[in-house]
C-alpha atoms as a PDB file:
ATOM      1  CA  UNK A   1       3.968 -10.478 -16.656  1.00  0.00           C
ATOM      2  CA  UNK A   2       1.186  -8.399 -15.051  1.00  0.00           C
ATOM      3  CA  UNK A   3       1.047  -8.232 -11.205  1.00  0.00           C
ATOM      4  CA  UNK A   4      -2.416  -9.075  -9.870  1.00  0.00           C
ATOM      5  CA  UNK A   5      -4.147  -9.267  -6.525  1.00  0.00           C
ATOM      6  CA  UNK A   6      -3.078 -12.463  -4.628  1.00  0.00           C
ATOM      7  CA  UNK A   7       0.229 -12.648  -6.571  1.00  0.00           C
ATOM      8  CA  UNK A   8       3.341 -13.009  -4.365  1.00  0.00           C
ATOM      9  CA  UNK A   9       5.301  -9.745  -4.450  1.00  0.00           C
ATOM     10  CA  UNK A  10       8.655 -10.222  -6.296  1.00  0.00           C
ATOM     11  CA  UNK A  11      11.415 -10.899  -3.756  1.00  0.00           C
ATOM     12  CA  UNK A  12      13.717  -8.219  -4.996  1.00  0.00           C
ATOM     13  CA  UNK A  13      16.928  -6.952  -3.341  1.00  0.00           C
ATOM     14  CA  UNK A  14      16.720  -3.195  -3.392  1.00  0.00           C
ATOM     15  CA  UNK A  15      18.842  -0.213  -2.490  1.00  0.00           C
ATOM     16  CA  UNK A  16      17.292   2.364  -0.213  1.00  0.00           C
ATOM     17  CA  UNK A  17      18.397   5.546   1.514  1.00  0.00           C
ATOM     18  CA  UNK A  18      18.589   3.378   4.698  1.00  0.00           C
ATOM     19  CA  UNK A  19      20.644   0.619   3.117  1.00  0.00           C
ATOM     20  CA  UNK A  20      20.162  -2.605   1.096  1.00  0.00           C
ATOM     21  CA  UNK A  21      16.838  -4.495   1.732  1.00  0.00           C
ATOM     22  CA  UNK A  22      15.515  -7.920   0.628  1.00  0.00           C
ATOM     23  CA  UNK A  23      11.774  -7.271   0.251  1.00  0.00           C
ATOM     24  CA  UNK A  24      10.474 -10.576   1.731  1.00  0.00           C
ATOM     25  CA  UNK A  25      12.846 -10.337   4.627  1.00  0.00           C
ATOM     26  CA  UNK A  26      11.847  -6.758   5.222  1.00  0.00           C
ATOM     27  CA  UNK A  27       8.138  -7.668   5.269  1.00  0.00           C
ATOM     28  CA  UNK A  28       8.742 -10.534   7.622  1.00  0.00           C
ATOM     29  CA  UNK A  29       5.509 -11.336   9.455  1.00  0.00           C
ATOM     30  CA  UNK A  30       4.122  -7.832   9.063  1.00  0.00           C
ATOM     31  CA  UNK A  31       1.768  -6.098   6.683  1.00  0.00           C
ATOM     32  CA  UNK A  32       3.487  -3.773   4.279  1.00  0.00           C
ATOM     33  CA  UNK A  33       2.723  -0.852   1.996  1.00  0.00           C
ATOM     34  CA  UNK A  34       4.815   0.140  -0.997  1.00  0.00           C
ATOM     35  CA  UNK A  35       3.975   3.595  -2.390  1.00  0.00           C
ATOM     36  CA  UNK A  36       5.736   4.716  -5.544  1.00  0.00           C
ATOM     37  CA  UNK A  37       6.595   8.114  -7.077  1.00  0.00           C
ATOM     38  CA  UNK A  38       7.973   9.076 -10.504  1.00  0.00           C
ATOM     39  CA  UNK A  39      10.487  11.634  -9.218  1.00  0.00           C
ATOM     40  CA  UNK A  40      11.950  13.304  -6.151  1.00  0.00           C
ATOM     41  CA  UNK A  41      11.455  17.052  -5.548  1.00  0.00           C
ATOM     42  CA  UNK A  42       8.065  17.146  -7.096  1.00  0.00           C
ATOM     43  CA  UNK A  43       5.143  18.972  -5.369  1.00  0.00           C
ATOM     44  CA  UNK A  44       2.377  16.344  -5.149  1.00  0.00           C
ATOM     45  CA  UNK A  45       4.832  13.602  -4.139  1.00  0.00           C
ATOM     46  CA  UNK A  46       6.285  15.728  -1.354  1.00  0.00           C
ATOM     47  CA  UNK A  47       2.926  16.268   0.144  1.00  0.00           C
ATOM     48  CA  UNK A  48       2.177  12.506  -0.117  1.00  0.00           C
ATOM     49  CA  UNK A  49       5.431  11.426   1.513  1.00  0.00           C
ATOM     50  CA  UNK A  50       4.640  13.951   4.249  1.00  0.00           C
ATOM     51  CA  UNK A  51       1.231  12.422   4.784  1.00  0.00           C
ATOM     52  CA  UNK A  52       2.824   8.999   5.187  1.00  0.00           C
ATOM     53  CA  UNK A  53       5.250  10.402   7.661  1.00  0.00           C
ATOM     54  CA  UNK A  54       2.459  11.987   9.714  1.00  0.00           C
ATOM     55  CA  UNK A  55       0.737   8.608  10.032  1.00  0.00           C
ATOM     56  CA  UNK A  56       3.714   6.742  11.537  1.00  0.00           C
ATOM     57  CA  UNK A  57       1.838   5.946  14.662  1.00  0.00           C
ATOM     58  CA  UNK A  58      -1.108   4.569  12.718  1.00  0.00           C
ATOM     59  CA  UNK A  59       1.072   2.273  10.674  1.00  0.00           C
ATOM     60  CA  UNK A  60       2.725   0.998  13.839  1.00  0.00           C
ATOM     61  CA  UNK A  61      -0.624   0.450  15.490  1.00  0.00           C
ATOM     62  CA  UNK A  62      -1.573  -1.843  12.598  1.00  0.00           C
ATOM     63  CA  UNK A  63       1.703  -3.732  12.491  1.00  0.00           C
ATOM     64  CA  UNK A  64       2.427  -2.343   9.084  1.00  0.00           C
ATOM     65  CA  UNK A  65       5.725  -1.302   7.550  1.00  0.00           C
ATOM     66  CA  UNK A  66       5.847   1.367   4.797  1.00  0.00           C
ATOM     67  CA  UNK A  67       8.397   1.950   2.074  1.00  0.00           C
ATOM     68  CA  UNK A  68       8.558   4.544  -0.684  1.00  0.00           C
ATOM     69  CA  UNK A  69       9.747   3.977  -4.206  1.00  0.00           C
ATOM     70  CA  UNK A  70      11.194   6.691  -6.500  1.00  0.00           C
ATOM     71  CA  UNK A  71      13.277   6.416  -9.634  1.00  0.00           C
ATOM     72  CA  UNK A  72      15.974   8.738  -8.349  1.00  0.00           C
ATOM     73  CA  UNK A  73      19.082   7.861  -6.370  1.00  0.00           C
ATOM     74  CA  UNK A  74      19.962   7.600  -2.642  1.00  0.00           C
ATOM     75  CA  UNK A  75      21.573  11.030  -2.499  1.00  0.00           C
ATOM     76  CA  UNK A  76      18.456  12.674  -3.924  1.00  0.00           C
ATOM     77  CA  UNK A  77      16.261  10.697  -1.468  1.00  0.00           C
ATOM     78  CA  UNK A  78      18.250  11.862   1.524  1.00  0.00           C
ATOM     79  CA  UNK A  79      18.051  15.510   0.382  1.00  0.00           C
ATOM     80  CA  UNK A  80      14.351  15.269  -0.506  1.00  0.00           C
ATOM     81  CA  UNK A  81      13.574  13.943   3.007  1.00  0.00           C
ATOM     82  CA  UNK A  82      14.611  17.342   4.294  1.00  0.00           C
ATOM     83  CA  UNK A  83      11.806  18.937   2.285  1.00  0.00           C
ATOM     84  CA  UNK A  84       9.315  16.290   3.288  1.00  0.00           C
ATOM     85  CA  UNK A  85      10.047  16.774   6.952  1.00  0.00           C
ATOM     86  CA  UNK A  86       9.963  20.589   6.633  1.00  0.00           C
ATOM     87  CA  UNK A  87       6.574  20.616   4.965  1.00  0.00           C
ATOM     88  CA  UNK A  88       4.929  17.903   7.057  1.00  0.00           C
ATOM     89  CA  UNK A  89       6.441  18.550  10.425  1.00  0.00           C
ATOM     90  CA  UNK A  90       7.063  14.828  10.885  1.00  0.00           C
ATOM     91  CA  UNK A  91      10.219  12.713  10.576  1.00  0.00           C
ATOM     92  CA  UNK A  92      10.318  10.514   7.451  1.00  0.00           C
ATOM     93  CA  UNK A  93      11.744   7.454   9.079  1.00  0.00           C
ATOM     94  CA  UNK A  94      10.688   4.989   6.370  1.00  0.00           C
ATOM     95  CA  UNK A  95      13.110   3.784   3.652  1.00  0.00           C
ATOM     96  CA  UNK A  96      12.821   4.960   0.017  1.00  0.00           C
ATOM     97  CA  UNK A  97      13.936   2.612  -2.752  1.00  0.00           C
ATOM     98  CA  UNK A  98      16.333   4.125  -5.315  1.00  0.00           C
ATOM     99  CA  UNK A  99      14.899   2.555  -8.389  1.00  0.00           C
ATOM    100  CA  UNK A 100      17.289   4.209 -10.853  1.00  0.00           C
ATOM    101  CA  UNK A 101      17.390   1.189 -13.140  1.00  0.00           C
ATOM    102  CA  UNK A 102      13.573   0.851 -13.001  1.00  0.00           C
ATOM    103  CA  UNK A 103      13.869  -2.755 -11.889  1.00  0.00           C
ATOM    104  CA  UNK A 104      11.238  -2.295  -9.219  1.00  0.00           C
ATOM    105  CA  UNK A 105       8.856  -0.285 -11.442  1.00  0.00           C
ATOM    106  CA  UNK A 106       9.016  -2.942 -14.056  1.00  0.00           C
ATOM    107  CA  UNK A 107       8.713  -5.943 -11.664  1.00  0.00           C
ATOM    108  CA  UNK A 108       5.633  -4.377 -10.141  1.00  0.00           C
ATOM    109  CA  UNK A 109       4.203  -3.762 -13.617  1.00  0.00           C
ATOM    110  CA  UNK A 110       4.167   0.051 -13.355  1.00  0.00           C
ATOM    111  CA  UNK A 111       6.301   0.460 -16.428  1.00  0.00           C
ATOM    112  CA  UNK A 112       6.759  -1.685 -19.563  1.00  0.00           C
ATOM    113  CA  UNK A 113       9.830  -3.903 -19.846  1.00  0.00           C
ATOM    114  CA  UNK A 114      11.427  -1.601 -22.464  1.00  0.00           C
ATOM    115  CA  UNK A 115      10.990   1.633 -20.453  1.00  0.00           C
ATOM    116  CA  UNK A 116      14.129   3.743 -19.876  1.00  0.00           C
ATOM    117  CA  UNK A 117      14.857   7.120 -18.406  1.00  0.00           C
ATOM    118  CA  UNK A 118      16.047   9.587 -21.089  1.00  0.00           C
ATOM    119  CA  UNK A 119      18.607  12.306 -20.477  1.00  0.00           C
ATOM    120  CA  UNK A 120      16.884  15.369 -19.014  1.00  0.00           C
ATOM    121  CA  UNK A 121      13.887  13.359 -18.099  1.00  0.00           C
ATOM    122  CA  UNK A 122      10.808  14.796 -16.384  1.00  0.00           C
ATOM    123  CA  UNK A 123       8.211  13.101 -14.127  1.00  0.00           C
ATOM    124  CA  UNK A 124       6.129  12.468 -17.241  1.00  0.00           C
ATOM    125  CA  UNK A 125       8.720   9.830 -18.409  1.00  0.00           C
ATOM    126  CA  UNK A 126       7.777   7.701 -15.373  1.00  0.00           C
ATOM    127  CA  UNK A 127       4.233   8.991 -14.765  1.00  0.00           C
ATOM    128  CA  UNK A 128       2.657   5.601 -14.168  1.00  0.00           C
ATOM    129  CA  UNK A 129       4.987   5.074 -11.128  1.00  0.00           C
ATOM    130  CA  UNK A 130       2.148   6.422  -8.969  1.00  0.00           C
ATOM    131  CA  UNK A 131       0.821   3.284  -7.199  1.00  0.00           C
ATOM    132  CA  UNK A 132       0.060   1.899  -3.738  1.00  0.00           C
ATOM    133  CA  UNK A 133       0.510  -1.799  -2.994  1.00  0.00           C
ATOM    134  CA  UNK A 134      -0.758  -3.321   0.285  1.00  0.00           C
ATOM    135  CA  UNK A 135       0.868  -6.685   1.022  1.00  0.00           C
ATOM    136  CA  UNK A 136      -0.180  -9.239   3.630  1.00  0.00           C
ATOM    137  CA  UNK A 137       2.233 -11.218   5.843  1.00  0.00           C
ATOM    138  CA  UNK A 138       2.032 -14.074   3.366  1.00  0.00           C
ATOM    139  CA  UNK A 139       3.802 -11.773   0.855  1.00  0.00           C
ATOM    140  CA  UNK A 140       0.681 -11.604  -1.413  1.00  0.00           C
ATOM    141  CA  UNK A 141      -0.575  -8.388  -2.904  1.00  0.00           C
ATOM    142  CA  UNK A 142      -3.918  -7.559  -1.355  1.00  0.00           C
ATOM    143  CA  UNK A 143      -4.736  -4.217  -2.983  1.00  0.00           C
ATOM    144  CA  UNK A 144      -3.416  -1.957  -5.695  1.00  0.00           C
ATOM    145  CA  UNK A 145      -4.243   1.727  -6.417  1.00  0.00           C
ATOM    146  CA  UNK A 146      -2.787   3.752  -9.250  1.00  0.00           C
ATOM    147  CA  UNK A 147      -3.188   7.536  -9.545  1.00  0.00           C
ATOM    148  CA  UNK A 148      -2.509  10.057 -12.280  1.00  0.00           C
ATOM    149  CA  UNK A 149       0.092  12.803 -11.832  1.00  0.00           C
ATOM    150  CA  UNK A 150      -2.499  15.476 -11.008  1.00  0.00           C
ATOM    151  CA  UNK A 151      -4.262  13.752  -8.212  1.00  0.00           C
ATOM    152  CA  UNK A 152      -2.715  13.455  -4.718  1.00  0.00           C
ATOM    153  CA  UNK A 153      -3.338  10.199  -2.933  1.00  0.00           C
ATOM    154  CA  UNK A 154      -5.738  10.019   0.003  1.00  0.00           C
ATOM    155  CA  UNK A 155      -3.862   8.223   2.694  1.00  0.00           C
ATOM    156  CA  UNK A 156      -6.901   8.208   4.938  1.00  0.00           C
ATOM    157  CA  UNK A 157      -8.450   5.922   2.342  1.00  0.00           C
ATOM    158  CA  UNK A 158      -5.259   3.821   2.282  1.00  0.00           C
ATOM    159  CA  UNK A 159      -5.568   3.478   6.062  1.00  0.00           C
ATOM    160  CA  UNK A 160      -9.281   2.600   5.821  1.00  0.00           C
ATOM    161  CA  UNK A 161      -8.529  -0.032   3.172  1.00  0.00           C
ATOM    162  CA  UNK A 162      -5.738  -1.448   5.313  1.00  0.00           C
ATOM    163  CA  UNK A 163      -8.226  -1.746   8.260  1.00  0.00           C
ATOM    164  CA  UNK A 164     -10.700  -3.588   5.980  1.00  0.00           C
ATOM    165  CA  UNK A 165      -8.028  -5.944   4.612  1.00  0.00           C
ATOM    166  CA  UNK A 166      -6.744  -6.788   8.109  1.00  0.00           C
ATOM    167  CA  UNK A 167     -10.396  -7.352   9.338  1.00  0.00           C
ATOM    168  CA  UNK A 168     -11.203  -9.696   6.498  1.00  0.00           C
ATOM    169  CA  UNK A 169      -7.816 -11.439   6.164  1.00  0.00           C
ATOM    170  CA  UNK A 170      -8.381 -15.242   6.352  1.00  0.00           C
ATOM    171  CA  UNK A 171     -11.897 -14.639   7.769  1.00  0.00           C
ATOM    172  CA  UNK A 172     -15.130 -15.320   5.844  1.00  0.00           C
ATOM    173  CA  UNK A 173     -16.403 -11.768   5.811  1.00  0.00           C
ATOM    174  CA  UNK A 174     -16.287  -8.689   3.564  1.00  0.00           C
ATOM    175  CA  UNK A 175     -16.821  -4.994   4.229  1.00  0.00           C
ATOM    176  CA  UNK A 176     -19.620  -2.915   2.630  1.00  0.00           C
ATOM    177  CA  UNK A 177     -19.323   0.408   0.812  1.00  0.00           C
ATOM    178  CA  UNK A 178     -17.833   3.219   2.893  1.00  0.00           C
ATOM    179  CA  UNK A 179     -17.083   0.832   5.795  1.00  0.00           C
ATOM    180  CA  UNK A 180     -15.142   2.162   8.781  1.00  0.00           C
ATOM    181  CA  UNK A 181     -13.313   0.210  11.498  1.00  0.00           C
ATOM    182  CA  UNK A 182     -15.826  -1.210  14.071  1.00  0.00           C
ATOM    183  CA  UNK A 183     -18.837  -1.061  11.861  1.00  0.00           C
ATOM    184  CA  UNK A 184     -20.820  -4.183  10.859  1.00  0.00           C
ATOM    185  CA  UNK A 185     -19.389  -6.498   8.183  1.00  0.00           C
ATOM    186  CA  UNK A 186     -20.877  -8.793   5.578  1.00  0.00           C
ATOM    187  CA  UNK A 187     -20.985 -12.566   6.028  1.00  0.00           C
ATOM    188  CA  UNK A 188     -19.318 -14.378   3.141  1.00  0.00           C
ATOM    189  CA  UNK A 189     -21.677 -16.207   0.809  1.00  0.00           C
ATOM    190  CA  UNK A 190     -19.476 -19.390   1.278  1.00  0.00           C
ATOM    191  CA  UNK A 191     -21.241 -19.893   4.645  1.00  0.00           C
ATOM    192  CA  UNK A 192     -24.835 -20.996   4.933  1.00  0.00           C
ATOM    193  CA  UNK A 193     -27.117 -19.402   7.497  1.00  0.00           C
ATOM    194  CA  UNK A 194     -26.461 -22.122  10.117  1.00  0.00           C
ATOM    195  CA  UNK A 195     -22.764 -21.922   9.612  1.00  0.00           C
ATOM    196  CA  UNK A 196     -22.819 -18.161   9.781  1.00  0.00           C
ATOM    197  CA  UNK A 197     -24.695 -18.155  13.122  1.00  0.00           C
ATOM    198  CA  UNK A 198     -22.443 -20.754  14.587  1.00  0.00           C
ATOM    199  CA  UNK A 199     -19.350 -18.737  13.681  1.00  0.00           C
ATOM    200  CA  UNK A 200     -20.537 -15.166  14.288  1.00  0.00           C
ATOM    201  CA  UNK A 201     -23.632 -15.424  16.518  1.00  0.00           C
ATOM    202  CA  UNK A 202     -26.318 -12.869  15.565  1.00  0.00           C
ATOM    203  CA  UNK A 203     -26.639 -12.480  11.818  1.00  0.00           C
ATOM    204  CA  UNK A 204     -28.947  -9.970  10.136  1.00  0.00           C
ATOM    205  CA  UNK A 205     -30.373 -11.153   6.822  1.00  0.00           C
ATOM    206  CA  UNK A 206     -30.985  -7.890   4.870  1.00  0.00           C
ATOM    207  CA  UNK A 207     -31.431  -9.931   1.677  1.00  0.00           C
ATOM    208  CA  UNK A 208     -30.911 -13.713   1.092  1.00  0.00           C
ATOM    209  CA  UNK A 209     -27.423 -12.970  -0.238  1.00  0.00           C
ATOM    210  CA  UNK A 210     -26.675  -9.919   1.977  1.00  0.00           C
ATOM    211  CA  UNK A 211     -26.173 -10.858   5.638  1.00  0.00           C
ATOM    212  CA  UNK A 212     -24.412  -8.642   8.144  1.00  0.00           C
ATOM    213  CA  UNK A 213     -22.990  -9.209  11.609  1.00  0.00           C
ATOM    214  CA  UNK A 214     -20.878  -7.422  14.166  1.00  0.00           C
ATOM    215  CA  UNK A 215     -17.185  -7.035  13.264  1.00  0.00           C
ATOM    216  CA  UNK A 216     -15.397  -9.911  14.870  1.00  0.00           C
ATOM    217  CA  UNK A 217     -13.011  -9.173  17.641  1.00  0.00           C
END
Protein backbone atom coordinates (compact mmCIF):
# COMPACT_ATOMS: atom_id res chain seq x y z
CA UNK A 1 0.00 0.00 0.00
CA UNK A 2 1.40 3.40 -0.99
CA UNK A 3 2.21 5.90 1.75
CA UNK A 4 0.61 9.29 1.12
CA UNK A 5 0.51 12.68 2.79
CA UNK A 6 -1.80 12.64 5.85
CA UNK A 7 -1.36 8.87 6.30
CA UNK A 8 -0.37 7.81 9.81
CA UNK A 9 3.27 6.68 9.83
CA UNK A 10 3.52 2.91 10.47
CA UNK A 11 4.17 2.28 14.16
CA UNK A 12 7.20 0.05 13.65
CA UNK A 13 9.59 -1.22 16.29
CA UNK A 14 13.05 -0.59 14.86
CA UNK A 15 16.64 -1.31 15.82
CA UNK A 16 18.98 1.69 15.80
CA UNK A 17 22.57 2.30 16.75
CA UNK A 18 21.19 3.86 19.97
CA UNK A 19 18.90 0.95 20.85
CA UNK A 20 15.41 -0.33 20.04
CA UNK A 21 12.76 2.30 19.27
CA UNK A 22 8.98 2.22 18.79
CA UNK A 23 8.37 4.96 16.24
CA UNK A 24 5.15 6.43 17.67
CA UNK A 25 6.62 6.47 21.18
CA UNK A 26 9.80 8.09 19.87
CA UNK A 27 7.83 10.82 18.08
CA UNK A 28 5.70 11.48 21.16
CA UNK A 29 4.31 15.02 21.04
CA UNK A 30 7.12 16.29 18.80
CA UNK A 31 7.58 16.84 15.11
CA UNK A 32 9.86 14.29 13.52
CA UNK A 33 11.97 13.85 10.40
CA UNK A 34 13.02 10.50 8.96
CA UNK A 35 15.73 10.69 6.30
CA UNK A 36 16.74 7.53 4.49
CA UNK A 37 19.89 6.31 2.74
CA UNK A 38 20.65 3.26 0.58
CA UNK A 39 24.01 2.39 2.16
CA UNK A 40 26.57 3.45 4.75
CA UNK A 41 30.03 4.71 3.75
CA UNK A 42 28.80 6.40 0.58
CA UNK A 43 29.96 9.93 -0.32
CA UNK A 44 26.72 11.84 -0.87
CA UNK A 45 25.03 10.25 2.14
CA UNK A 46 27.99 11.10 4.39
CA UNK A 47 27.69 14.78 3.50
CA UNK A 48 23.92 14.66 4.10
CA UNK A 49 24.20 13.06 7.53
CA UNK A 50 26.82 15.68 8.30
CA UNK A 51 24.42 18.46 7.29
CA UNK A 52 21.78 17.05 9.63
CA UNK A 53 24.30 16.89 12.47
CA UNK A 54 25.30 20.53 11.92
CA UNK A 55 21.64 21.58 12.23
CA UNK A 56 21.10 19.99 15.65
CA UNK A 57 20.32 23.32 17.33
CA UNK A 58 17.83 24.21 14.59
CA UNK A 59 15.93 20.93 14.99
CA UNK A 60 15.82 21.45 18.76
CA UNK A 61 14.55 25.02 18.35
CA UNK A 62 11.63 23.67 16.32
CA UNK A 63 10.82 20.81 18.71
CA UNK A 64 11.75 18.30 16.03
CA UNK A 65 13.43 14.90 16.38
CA UNK A 66 15.49 13.48 13.53
CA UNK A 67 16.28 9.87 12.73
CA UNK A 68 18.28 8.37 9.88
CA UNK A 69 17.50 5.15 8.04
CA UNK A 70 20.06 3.00 6.25
CA UNK A 71 19.89 -0.58 5.07
CA UNK A 72 23.14 -1.59 6.81
CA UNK A 73 23.61 -2.84 10.36
CA UNK A 74 24.23 -1.27 13.74
CA UNK A 75 27.98 -1.93 13.70
CA UNK A 76 28.34 -0.22 10.33
CA UNK A 77 26.26 2.74 11.55
CA UNK A 78 28.49 3.23 14.59
CA UNK A 79 31.64 3.13 12.46
CA UNK A 80 30.13 5.39 9.82
CA UNK A 81 29.28 8.04 12.39
CA UNK A 82 33.01 8.51 12.90
CA UNK A 83 33.35 9.55 9.25
CA UNK A 84 30.23 11.75 9.48
CA UNK A 85 31.58 13.60 12.50
CA UNK A 86 35.06 13.91 10.98
CA UNK A 87 33.80 15.51 7.78
CA UNK A 88 31.08 17.71 9.34
CA UNK A 89 32.80 18.76 12.53
CA UNK A 90 29.56 18.08 14.43
CA UNK A 91 28.45 15.21 16.69
CA UNK A 92 25.94 12.88 15.06
CA UNK A 93 23.75 12.36 18.11
CA UNK A 94 20.62 11.22 16.26
CA UNK A 95 19.74 7.50 15.91
CA UNK A 96 20.10 5.60 12.64
CA UNK A 97 17.74 2.71 11.93
CA UNK A 98 19.46 -0.53 10.89
CA UNK A 99 17.01 -1.59 8.19
CA UNK A 100 18.83 -4.75 7.15
CA UNK A 101 15.60 -6.65 6.44
CA UNK A 102 14.17 -3.68 4.47
CA UNK A 103 11.07 -3.66 6.68
CA UNK A 104 11.15 0.12 7.09
CA UNK A 105 11.97 0.82 3.44
CA UNK A 106 9.02 -1.33 2.39
CA UNK A 107 6.60 0.03 5.01
CA UNK A 108 7.40 3.58 3.89
CA UNK A 109 6.93 2.56 0.25
CA UNK A 110 10.52 3.26 -0.78
CA UNK A 111 11.04 -0.30 -2.05
CA UNK A 112 8.59 -2.85 -3.46
CA UNK A 113 7.39 -5.70 -1.25
CA UNK A 114 9.51 -8.26 -3.12
CA UNK A 115 12.76 -6.27 -2.86
CA UNK A 116 15.82 -7.97 -1.37
CA UNK A 117 19.51 -7.23 -0.93
CA UNK A 118 21.68 -9.51 -3.09
CA UNK A 119 25.12 -10.71 -2.10
CA UNK A 120 27.73 -8.12 -2.95
CA UNK A 121 25.07 -5.47 -3.28
CA UNK A 122 25.80 -1.86 -4.18
CA UNK A 123 23.83 1.31 -3.33
CA UNK A 124 22.07 0.92 -6.69
CA UNK A 125 20.19 -2.09 -5.28
CA UNK A 126 18.38 0.20 -2.82
CA UNK A 127 18.68 3.49 -4.70
CA UNK A 128 15.12 4.61 -4.00
CA UNK A 129 15.83 4.65 -0.28
CA UNK A 130 16.65 8.35 -0.65
CA UNK A 131 13.68 10.09 0.93
CA UNK A 132 12.75 12.63 3.59
CA UNK A 133 9.56 12.32 5.62
CA UNK A 134 8.32 15.12 7.89
CA UNK A 135 5.83 13.89 10.48
CA UNK A 136 3.53 15.98 12.69
CA UNK A 137 2.80 15.27 16.38
CA UNK A 138 -0.41 13.51 15.29
CA UNK A 139 1.90 10.91 13.66
CA UNK A 140 0.69 11.82 10.16
CA UNK A 141 3.06 12.32 7.24
CA UNK A 142 3.06 16.00 6.25
CA UNK A 143 5.69 16.02 3.51
CA UNK A 144 7.74 13.58 1.43
CA UNK A 145 10.75 14.28 -0.79
CA UNK A 146 12.61 11.65 -2.80
CA UNK A 147 15.96 12.29 -4.47
CA UNK A 148 18.09 10.38 -6.98
CA UNK A 149 21.50 9.00 -6.08
CA UNK A 150 23.39 11.82 -7.78
CA UNK A 151 21.73 14.80 -6.05
CA UNK A 152 22.52 15.70 -2.46
CA UNK A 153 19.57 16.88 -0.42
CA UNK A 154 19.25 20.54 0.51
CA UNK A 155 18.60 20.51 4.23
CA UNK A 156 18.11 24.27 4.24
CA UNK A 157 15.01 23.52 2.15
CA UNK A 158 13.98 20.76 4.57
CA UNK A 159 14.27 23.32 7.38
CA UNK A 160 12.27 25.89 5.38
CA UNK A 161 9.56 23.33 4.63
CA UNK A 162 9.43 22.37 8.31
CA UNK A 163 8.93 26.04 9.23
CA UNK A 164 6.08 26.27 6.71
CA UNK A 165 4.44 23.10 7.96
CA UNK A 166 4.62 24.23 11.57
CA UNK A 167 3.28 27.68 10.68
CA UNK A 168 0.28 26.25 8.82
CA UNK A 169 -0.41 23.23 11.07
CA UNK A 170 -4.09 23.24 12.11
CA UNK A 171 -4.31 26.91 11.02
CA UNK A 172 -6.30 28.06 7.93
CA UNK A 173 -3.33 29.51 6.08
CA UNK A 174 -0.83 28.44 3.43
CA UNK A 175 2.58 29.72 2.40
CA UNK A 176 3.40 31.17 -1.05
CA UNK A 177 6.28 30.22 -3.30
CA UNK A 178 9.74 30.73 -1.82
CA UNK A 179 8.24 31.65 1.57
CA UNK A 180 10.61 32.18 4.47
CA UNK A 181 9.80 32.25 8.18
CA UNK A 182 8.23 35.57 9.22
CA UNK A 183 6.96 36.55 5.77
CA UNK A 184 3.29 37.08 4.92
CA UNK A 185 1.10 34.02 4.47
CA UNK A 186 -1.94 33.20 2.36
CA UNK A 187 -5.41 33.06 3.90
CA UNK A 188 -7.19 29.76 3.23
CA UNK A 189 -10.08 29.87 0.76
CA UNK A 190 -12.22 28.11 3.38
CA UNK A 191 -12.61 31.50 5.12
CA UNK A 192 -14.70 34.29 3.61
CA UNK A 193 -13.44 37.85 3.82
CA UNK A 194 -15.31 38.62 7.01
CA UNK A 195 -14.06 35.47 8.73
CA UNK A 196 -10.52 36.16 7.55
CA UNK A 197 -10.51 39.68 8.98
CA UNK A 198 -12.04 38.48 12.24
CA UNK A 199 -9.36 35.82 12.63
CA UNK A 200 -6.27 37.58 11.29
CA UNK A 201 -7.03 41.30 11.33
CA UNK A 202 -5.66 43.10 8.28
CA UNK A 203 -6.03 41.09 5.07
CA UNK A 204 -4.66 42.15 1.68
CA UNK A 205 -6.81 40.98 -1.25
CA UNK A 206 -4.32 40.66 -4.11
CA UNK A 207 -6.93 38.72 -6.12
CA UNK A 208 -10.39 37.50 -5.07
CA UNK A 209 -8.85 34.09 -4.38
CA UNK A 210 -5.40 35.30 -3.22
CA UNK A 211 -5.47 37.06 0.13
CA UNK A 212 -2.42 37.60 2.29
CA UNK A 213 -1.92 38.50 5.93
CA UNK A 214 0.88 38.75 8.45
CA UNK A 215 2.21 35.43 9.73
CA UNK A 216 0.26 34.64 12.91
CA UNK A 217 2.25 34.64 16.13
